[in-house]
Amino acid sequence: VATERATIRGEIGDTVSLIPLDVQVEGIVTDQLQYPLR
């Protein structure tokens, strides 16, 4: 579980899931993920 930022180290093609634990997690920006959030 992280707040404000997370770094994921792995291999190209690995799966990453982002699951909100609060009612809303706002302002999410992703880098180097196939389906970007801006």
All heavy atoms as atom14 arrays in JSON, in Angstrom:
{
  "sequence": "VATERATIRGEIGDTVSLIPLDVQVEGIVTDQLQYPLR",
  "atom14_mask": [
    [1, 1, 1, 1, 1, 1, 1, 0, 0, 0, 0, 0, 0, 0],
    [1, 1, 1, 1, 1, 0, 0, 0, 0, 0, 0, 0, 0, 0],
    [1, 1, 1, 1, 1, 1, 1, 0, 0, 0, 0, 0, 0, 0],
    [1, 1, 1, 1, 1, 1, 1, 1, 1, 0, 0, 0, 0, 0],
    [1, 1, 1, 1, 1, 1, 1, 1, 1, 1, 1, 0, 0, 0],
    [1, 1, 1, 1, 1, 0, 0, 0, 0, 0, 0, 0, 0, 0],
    [1, 1, 1, 1, 1, 1, 1, 0, 0, 0, 0, 0, 0, 0],
    [1, 1, 1, 1, 1, 1, 1, 1, 0, 0, 0, 0, 0, 0],
    [1, 1, 1, 1, 1, 1, 1, 1, 1, 1, 1, 0, 0, 0],
    [1, 1, 1, 1, 0, 0, 0, 0, 0, 0, 0, 0, 0, 0],
    [1, 1, 1, 1, 1, 1, 1, 1, 1, 0, 0, 0, 0, 0],
    [1, 1, 1, 1, 1, 1, 1, 1, 0, 0, 0, 0, 0, 0],
    [1, 1, 1, 1, 0, 0, 0, 0, 0, 0, 0, 0, 0, 0],
    [1, 1, 1, 1, 1, 1, 1, 1, 0, 0, 0, 0, 0, 0],
    [1, 1, 1, 1, 1, 1, 1, 0, 0, 0, 0, 0, 0, 0],
    [1, 1, 1, 1, 1, 1, 1, 0, 0, 0, 0, 0, 0, 0],
    [1, 1, 1, 1, 1, 1, 0, 0, 0, 0, 0, 0, 0, 0],
    [1, 1, 1, 1, 1, 1, 1, 1, 0, 0, 0, 0, 0, 0],
    [1, 1, 1, 1, 1, 1, 1, 1, 0, 0, 0, 0, 0, 0],
    [1, 1, 1, 1, 1, 1, 1, 0, 0, 0, 0, 0, 0, 0],
    [1, 1, 1, 1, 1, 1, 1, 1, 0, 0, 0, 0, 0, 0],
    [1, 1, 1, 1, 1, 1, 1, 1, 0, 0, 0, 0, 0, 0],
    [1, 1, 1, 1, 1, 1, 1, 0, 0, 0, 0, 0, 0, 0],
    [1, 1, 1, 1, 1, 1, 1, 1, 1, 0, 0, 0, 0, 0],
    [1, 1, 1, 1, 1, 1, 1, 0, 0, 0, 0, 0, 0, 0],
    [1, 1, 1, 1, 1, 1, 1, 1, 1, 0, 0, 0, 0, 0],
    [1, 1, 1, 1, 0, 0, 0, 0, 0, 0, 0, 0, 0, 0],
    [1, 1, 1, 1, 1, 1, 1, 1, 0, 0, 0, 0, 0, 0],
    [1, 1, 1, 1, 1, 1, 1, 0, 0, 0, 0, 0, 0, 0],
    [1, 1, 1, 1, 1, 1, 1, 0, 0, 0, 0, 0, 0, 0],
    [1, 1, 1, 1, 1, 1, 1, 1, 0, 0, 0, 0, 0, 0],
    [1, 1, 1, 1, 1, 1, 1, 1, 1, 0, 0, 0, 0, 0],
    [1, 1, 1, 1, 1, 1, 1, 1, 0, 0, 0, 0, 0, 0],
    [1, 1, 1, 1, 1, 1, 1, 1, 1, 0, 0, 0, 0, 0],
    [1, 1, 1, 1, 1, 1, 1, 1, 1, 1, 1, 1, 0, 0],
    [1, 1, 1, 1, 1, 1, 1, 0, 0, 0, 0, 0, 0, 0],
    [1, 1, 1, 1, 1, 1, 1, 1, 0, 0, 0, 0, 0, 0],
    [1, 1, 1, 1, 1, 1, 1, 1, 1, 1, 1, 0, 0, 0]
  ],
  "atom14_positions": [
    [[0.85, -1.18, 0.0], [0.0, 0.0, 0.0], [0.89, 1.23, 0.0], [1.88, 1.3, 0.73], [-0.94, 0.01, 1.23], [-1.64, 1.34, 1.37], [-1.96, -1.12, 1.11], [0.0, 0.0, 0.0], [0.0, 0.0, 0.0], [0.0, 0.0, 0.0], [0.0, 0.0, 0.0], [0.0, 0.0, 0.0], [0.0, 0.0, 0.0], [0.0, 0.0, 0.0]],
    [[0.54, 2.2, -0.84], [1.34, 3.41, -0.94], [0.45, 4.65, -0.91], [-0.75, 4.58, -1.18], [2.16, 3.39, -2.24], [0.0, 0.0, 0.0], [0.0, 0.0, 0.0], [0.0, 0.0, 0.0], [0.0, 0.0, 0.0], [0.0, 0.0, 0.0], [0.0, 0.0, 0.0], [0.0, 0.0, 0.0], [0.0, 0.0, 0.0], [0.0, 0.0, 0.0]],
    [[1.06, 5.76, -0.57], [0.4, 7.07, -0.64], [1.26, 8.0, -1.48], [2.48, 8.06, -1.3], [0.22, 7.68, 0.77], [1.5, 7.8, 1.41], [-0.68, 6.81, 1.63], [0.0, 0.0, 0.0], [0.0, 0.0, 0.0], [0.0, 0.0, 0.0], [0.0, 0.0, 0.0], [0.0, 0.0, 0.0], [0.0, 0.0, 0.0], [0.0, 0.0, 0.0]],
    [[0.65, 8.64, -2.42], [1.24, 9.69, -3.27], [2.15, 9.2, -4.39], [2.16, 9.79, -5.46], [1.98, 10.73, -2.43], [1.05, 11.49, -1.49], [1.77, 12.62, -0.77], [3.01, 12.75, -0.91], [1.08, 13.37, -0.06], [0.0, 0.0, 0.0], [0.0, 0.0, 0.0], [0.0, 0.0, 0.0], [0.0, 0.0, 0.0], [0.0, 0.0, 0.0]],
    [[2.91, 8.11, -4.2], [3.74, 7.63, -5.31], [4.16, 6.19, -5.08], [4.24, 5.72, -3.95], [4.96, 8.5, -5.53], [6.0, 8.49, -4.45], [7.15, 9.42, -4.79], [7.75, 9.09, -6.07], [8.36, 9.98, -6.85], [8.43, 11.26, -6.49], [8.89, 9.61, -8.0], [0.0, 0.0, 0.0], [0.0, 0.0, 0.0], [0.0, 0.0, 0.0]],
    [[4.42, 5.49, -6.19], [4.92, 4.12, -6.13], [5.83, 3.88, -7.31], [5.56, 4.36, -8.42], [3.77, 3.12, -6.13], [0.0, 0.0, 0.0], [0.0, 0.0, 0.0], [0.0, 0.0, 0.0], [0.0, 0.0, 0.0], [0.0, 0.0, 0.0], [0.0, 0.0, 0.0], [0.0, 0.0, 0.0], [0.0, 0.0, 0.0], [0.0, 0.0, 0.0]],
    [[6.89, 3.14, -7.08], [7.81, 2.7, -8.14], [7.72, 1.19, -8.24], [7.83, 0.49, -7.23], [9.25, 3.12, -7.82], [9.32, 4.55, -7.72], [10.2, 2.66, -8.92], [0.0, 0.0, 0.0], [0.0, 0.0, 0.0], [0.0, 0.0, 0.0], [0.0, 0.0, 0.0], [0.0, 0.0, 0.0], [0.0, 0.0, 0.0], [0.0, 0.0, 0.0]],
    [[7.52, 0.7, -9.45], [7.42, -0.74, -9.68], [8.58, -1.15, -10.56], [8.75, -0.63, -11.67], [6.08, -1.12, -10.36], [4.9, -0.61, -9.53], [5.98, -2.63, -10.54], [4.27, 0.65, -10.07], [0.0, 0.0, 0.0], [0.0, 0.0, 0.0], [0.0, 0.0, 0.0], [0.0, 0.0, 0.0], [0.0, 0.0, 0.0], [0.0, 0.0, 0.0]],
    [[9.38, -2.08, -10.07], [10.54, -2.59, -10.82], [10.29, -4.04, -11.2], [9.97, -4.86, -10.35], [11.82, -2.46, -9.99], [12.24, -1.02, -9.72], [13.48, -0.95, -8.85], [13.94, 0.41, -8.69], [13.48, 1.26, -7.76], [12.53, 0.87, -6.93], [13.97, 2.48, -7.68], [0.0, 0.0, 0.0], [0.0, 0.0, 0.0], [0.0, 0.0, 0.0]],
    [[10.43, -4.33, -12.49], [10.17, -5.69, -12.95], [10.64, -5.87, -14.37], [11.71, -5.38, -14.75], [0.0, 0.0, 0.0], [0.0, 0.0, 0.0], [0.0, 0.0, 0.0], [0.0, 0.0, 0.0], [0.0, 0.0, 0.0], [0.0, 0.0, 0.0], [0.0, 0.0, 0.0], [0.0, 0.0, 0.0], [0.0, 0.0, 0.0], [0.0, 0.0, 0.0]],
    [[9.83, -6.53, -15.17], [10.15, -6.81, -16.56], [9.03, -6.31, -17.46], [7.88, -6.19, -17.03], [10.34, -8.32, -16.78], [11.48, -8.93, -15.98], [12.85, -8.41, -16.38], [13.01, -8.03, -17.58], [13.76, -8.39, -15.52], [0.0, 0.0, 0.0], [0.0, 0.0, 0.0], [0.0, 0.0, 0.0], [0.0, 0.0, 0.0], [0.0, 0.0, 0.0]],
    [[9.39, -6.01, -18.7], [8.39, -5.59, -19.68], [7.32, -6.69, -19.81], [7.65, -7.87, -19.95], [9.04, -5.3, -21.04], [10.01, -4.11, -20.94], [8.0, -5.05, -22.11], [10.87, -3.89, -22.17], [0.0, 0.0, 0.0], [0.0, 0.0, 0.0], [0.0, 0.0, 0.0], [0.0, 0.0, 0.0], [0.0, 0.0, 0.0], [0.0, 0.0, 0.0]],
    [[6.07, -6.29, -19.73], [4.97, -7.24, -19.82], [4.41, -7.7, -18.49], [3.35, -8.33, -18.45], [0.0, 0.0, 0.0], [0.0, 0.0, 0.0], [0.0, 0.0, 0.0], [0.0, 0.0, 0.0], [0.0, 0.0, 0.0], [0.0, 0.0, 0.0], [0.0, 0.0, 0.0], [0.0, 0.0, 0.0], [0.0, 0.0, 0.0], [0.0, 0.0, 0.0]],
    [[5.11, -7.39, -17.39], [4.55, -7.73, -16.07], [3.23, -7.01, -15.86], [3.0, -5.9, -16.36], [5.52, -7.3, -14.96], [6.71, -8.23, -14.8], [6.8, -9.22, -15.55], [7.54, -7.96, -13.92], [0.0, 0.0, 0.0], [0.0, 0.0, 0.0], [0.0, 0.0, 0.0], [0.0, 0.0, 0.0], [0.0, 0.0, 0.0], [0.0, 0.0, 0.0]],
    [[2.34, -7.63, -15.1], [1.04, -7.04, -14.79], [1.12, -6.18, -13.54], [1.73, -6.57, -12.55], [-0.01, -8.15, -14.6], [-0.16, -8.86, -15.83], [-1.36, -7.56, -14.2], [0.0, 0.0, 0.0], [0.0, 0.0, 0.0], [0.0, 0.0, 0.0], [0.0, 0.0, 0.0], [0.0, 0.0, 0.0], [0.0, 0.0, 0.0], [0.0, 0.0, 0.0]],
    [[0.49, -5.02, -13.59], [0.39, -4.13, -12.43], [-1.07, -3.74, -12.26], [-1.72, -3.3, -13.21], [1.25, -2.87, -12.61], [1.01, -1.88, -11.48], [2.73, -3.22, -12.7], [0.0, 0.0, 0.0], [0.0, 0.0, 0.0], [0.0, 0.0, 0.0], [0.0, 0.0, 0.0], [0.0, 0.0, 0.0], [0.0, 0.0, 0.0], [0.0, 0.0, 0.0]],
    [[-1.59, -3.91, -11.06], [-2.95, -3.48, -10.74], [-2.91, -2.42, -9.65], [-2.14, -2.54, -8.68], [-3.8, -4.67, -10.28], [-4.04, -5.55, -11.36], [0.0, 0.0, 0.0], [0.0, 0.0, 0.0], [0.0, 0.0, 0.0], [0.0, 0.0, 0.0], [0.0, 0.0, 0.0], [0.0, 0.0, 0.0], [0.0, 0.0, 0.0], [0.0, 0.0, 0.0]],
    [[-3.71, -1.39, -9.83], [-3.83, -0.29, -8.86], [-5.24, -0.32, -8.31], [-6.21, -0.08, -9.03], [-3.54, 1.04, -9.54], [-2.2, 1.16, -10.28], [-2.11, 2.48, -11.02], [-1.03, 0.99, -9.32], [0.0, 0.0, 0.0], [0.0, 0.0, 0.0], [0.0, 0.0, 0.0], [0.0, 0.0, 0.0], [0.0, 0.0, 0.0], [0.0, 0.0, 0.0]],
    [[-5.37, -0.63, -7.03], [-6.68, -0.83, -6.41], [-6.87, 0.2, -5.31], [-6.13, 0.2, -4.32], [-6.8, -2.26, -5.84], [-6.59, -3.28, -6.97], [-8.14, -2.45, -5.15], [-6.48, -4.7, -6.5], [0.0, 0.0, 0.0], [0.0, 0.0, 0.0], [0.0, 0.0, 0.0], [0.0, 0.0, 0.0], [0.0, 0.0, 0.0], [0.0, 0.0, 0.0]],
    [[-7.82, 1.13, -5.45], [-8.01, 2.17, -4.44], [-8.61, 1.61, -3.16], [-9.6, 0.86, -3.19], [-8.97, 3.16, -5.12], [-9.7, 2.34, -6.13], [-8.76, 1.27, -6.58], [0.0, 0.0, 0.0], [0.0, 0.0, 0.0], [0.0, 0.0, 0.0], [0.0, 0.0, 0.0], [0.0, 0.0, 0.0], [0.0, 0.0, 0.0], [0.0, 0.0, 0.0]],
    [[-8.02, 1.97, -2.03], [-8.56, 1.58, -0.73], [-9.4, 2.7, -0.12], [-10.27, 2.44, 0.71], [-7.43, 1.19, 0.22], [-6.58, -0.03, -0.21], [-5.56, -0.36, 0.86], [-7.46, -1.25, -0.51], [0.0, 0.0, 0.0], [0.0, 0.0, 0.0], [0.0, 0.0, 0.0], [0.0, 0.0, 0.0], [0.0, 0.0, 0.0], [0.0, 0.0, 0.0]],
    [[-9.12, 3.94, -0.49], [-9.97, 5.05, -0.08], [-11.17, 5.15, -1.02], [-11.18, 4.55, -2.11], [-9.19, 6.36, -0.09], [-8.33, 6.53, 1.15], [-8.87, 6.4, 2.26], [-7.12, 6.78, 1.01], [0.0, 0.0, 0.0], [0.0, 0.0, 0.0], [0.0, 0.0, 0.0], [0.0, 0.0, 0.0], [0.0, 0.0, 0.0], [0.0, 0.0, 0.0]],
    [[-12.16, 5.93, -0.62], [-13.35, 6.1, -1.47], [-12.95, 6.61, -2.84], [-13.44, 6.14, -3.87], [-14.35, 7.07, -0.8], [-15.51, 7.37, -1.74], [-14.88, 6.46, 0.49], [0.0, 0.0, 0.0], [0.0, 0.0, 0.0], [0.0, 0.0, 0.0], [0.0, 0.0, 0.0], [0.0, 0.0, 0.0], [0.0, 0.0, 0.0], [0.0, 0.0, 0.0]],
    [[-12.01, 7.55, -2.88], [-11.45, 8.04, -4.14], [-9.95, 8.26, -3.98], [-9.5, 8.75, -2.94], [-12.11, 9.34, -4.57], [-13.55, 9.19, -5.03], [-14.08, 10.48, -5.64], [-13.74, 11.57, -5.19], [-14.92, 10.37, -6.66], [0.0, 0.0, 0.0], [0.0, 0.0, 0.0], [0.0, 0.0, 0.0], [0.0, 0.0, 0.0], [0.0, 0.0, 0.0]],
    [[-9.21, 7.9, -5.0], [-7.79, 8.24, -5.09], [-7.66, 9.13, -6.32], [-7.95, 8.7, -7.44], [-6.91, 6.99, -5.2], [-5.45, 7.38, -5.35], [-7.09, 6.09, -3.98], [0.0, 0.0, 0.0], [0.0, 0.0, 0.0], [0.0, 0.0, 0.0], [0.0, 0.0, 0.0], [0.0, 0.0, 0.0], [0.0, 0.0, 0.0], [0.0, 0.0, 0.0]],
    [[-7.24, 10.37, -6.09], [-7.33, 11.41, -7.12], [-5.97, 11.78, -7.7], [-4.94, 11.63, -7.06], [-7.98, 12.65, -6.51], [-9.39, 12.4, -5.96], [-9.96, 13.6, -5.23], [-9.19, 14.3, -4.55], [-11.17, 13.83, -5.36], [0.0, 0.0, 0.0], [0.0, 0.0, 0.0], [0.0, 0.0, 0.0], [0.0, 0.0, 0.0], [0.0, 0.0, 0.0]],
    [[-6.04, 12.3, -8.91], [-4.86, 12.85, -9.57], [-3.81, 11.82, -9.94], [-2.61, 12.1, -9.9], [0.0, 0.0, 0.0], [0.0, 0.0, 0.0], [0.0, 0.0, 0.0], [0.0, 0.0, 0.0], [0.0, 0.0, 0.0], [0.0, 0.0, 0.0], [0.0, 0.0, 0.0], [0.0, 0.0, 0.0], [0.0, 0.0, 0.0], [0.0, 0.0, 0.0]],
    [[-4.24, 10.64, -10.36], [-3.29, 9.55, -10.66], [-2.65, 9.77, -12.03], [-3.32, 9.96, -13.04], [-4.0, 8.19, -10.64], [-4.67, 7.95, -9.28], [-3.01, 7.07, -10.94], [-5.54, 6.72, -9.23], [0.0, 0.0, 0.0], [0.0, 0.0, 0.0], [0.0, 0.0, 0.0], [0.0, 0.0, 0.0], [0.0, 0.0, 0.0], [0.0, 0.0, 0.0]],
    [[-1.32, 9.73, -12.02], [-0.53, 9.85, -13.25], [0.42, 8.66, -13.32], [1.16, 8.4, -12.36], [0.28, 11.16, -13.28], [1.15, 11.21, -14.54], [-0.65, 12.37, -13.22], [0.0, 0.0, 0.0], [0.0, 0.0, 0.0], [0.0, 0.0, 0.0], [0.0, 0.0, 0.0], [0.0, 0.0, 0.0], [0.0, 0.0, 0.0], [0.0, 0.0, 0.0]],
    [[0.39, 7.91, -14.41], [1.25, 6.75, -14.57], [2.3, 7.01, -15.64], [2.08, 7.78, -16.58], [0.44, 5.5, -14.96], [-0.21, 5.73, -16.21], [-0.6, 5.18, -13.88], [0.0, 0.0, 0.0], [0.0, 0.0, 0.0], [0.0, 0.0, 0.0], [0.0, 0.0, 0.0], [0.0, 0.0, 0.0], [0.0, 0.0, 0.0], [0.0, 0.0, 0.0]],
    [[3.43, 6.34, -15.5], [4.5, 6.41, -16.49], [5.0, 5.0, -16.75], [5.28, 4.24, -15.82], [5.65, 7.29, -15.97], [6.77, 7.44, -16.98], [6.49, 7.71, -18.17], [7.94, 7.25, -16.59], [0.0, 0.0, 0.0], [0.0, 0.0, 0.0], [0.0, 0.0, 0.0], [0.0, 0.0, 0.0], [0.0, 0.0, 0.0], [0.0, 0.0, 0.0]],
    [[5.09, 4.63, -18.03], [5.56, 3.32, -18.47], [4.58, 2.18, -18.14], [4.99, 1.05, -17.91], [6.95, 3.01, -17.92], [8.04, 3.95, -18.36], [8.23, 3.98, -19.89], [7.98, 3.0, -20.57], [8.67, 5.12, -20.42], [0.0, 0.0, 0.0], [0.0, 0.0, 0.0], [0.0, 0.0, 0.0], [0.0, 0.0, 0.0], [0.0, 0.0, 0.0]],
    [[3.29, 2.52, -18.14], [2.25, 1.5, -18.1], [1.43, 1.58, -19.39], [1.2, 2.67, -19.92], [1.34, 1.68, -16.89], [1.97, 1.39, -15.52], [0.96, 1.64, -14.4], [2.51, -0.03, -15.44], [0.0, 0.0, 0.0], [0.0, 0.0, 0.0], [0.0, 0.0, 0.0], [0.0, 0.0, 0.0], [0.0, 0.0, 0.0], [0.0, 0.0, 0.0]],
    [[0.99, 0.44, -19.89], [0.36, 0.37, -21.21], [-0.91, 1.2, -21.3], [-1.18, 1.84, -22.33], [0.05, -1.1, -21.54], [-0.55, -1.3, -22.93], [-0.73, -2.77, -23.26], [-0.39, -3.64, -22.48], [-1.28, -3.04, -24.43], [0.0, 0.0, 0.0], [0.0, 0.0, 0.0], [0.0, 0.0, 0.0], [0.0, 0.0, 0.0], [0.0, 0.0, 0.0]],
    [[-1.72, 1.19, -20.25], [-2.97, 1.95, -20.25], [-2.79, 3.12, -19.29], [-2.94, 2.97, -18.07], [-4.14, 1.05, -19.83], [-4.21, -0.22, -20.64], [-3.89, -1.44, -20.06], [-4.58, -0.19, -21.99], [-3.94, -2.62, -20.8], [-4.63, -1.36, -22.74], [-4.31, -2.57, -22.14], [-4.36, -3.72, -22.89], [0.0, 0.0, 0.0], [0.0, 0.0, 0.0]],
    [[-2.46, 4.29, -19.82], [-2.05, 5.4, -18.96], [-3.21, 6.06, -18.23], [-4.35, 6.07, -18.71], [-1.4, 6.37, -19.94], [-2.07, 6.11, -21.25], [-2.35, 4.63, -21.26], [0.0, 0.0, 0.0], [0.0, 0.0, 0.0], [0.0, 0.0, 0.0], [0.0, 0.0, 0.0], [0.0, 0.0, 0.0], [0.0, 0.0, 0.0], [0.0, 0.0, 0.0]],
    [[-2.9, 6.59, -17.08], [-3.8, 7.48, -16.35], [-3.13, 8.84, -16.32], [-1.93, 8.95, -16.03], [-4.06, 6.97, -14.94], [-4.78, 5.62, -14.84], [-4.8, 5.15, -13.4], [-6.19, 5.72, -15.38], [0.0, 0.0, 0.0], [0.0, 0.0, 0.0], [0.0, 0.0, 0.0], [0.0, 0.0, 0.0], [0.0, 0.0, 0.0], [0.0, 0.0, 0.0]],
    [[-3.9, 9.89, -16.59], [-3.35, 11.24, -16.7], [-4.13, 12.18, -15.79], [-5.07, 12.84, -16.21], [-3.41, 11.72, -18.16], [-2.52, 10.89, -19.09], [-1.04, 11.2, -18.85], [-0.17, 10.43, -19.7], [0.52, 9.36, -19.32], [0.39, 8.91, -18.08], [1.31, 8.72, -20.16], [0.0, 0.0, 0.0], [0.0, 0.0, 0.0], [0.0, 0.0, 0.0]]
  ]
}
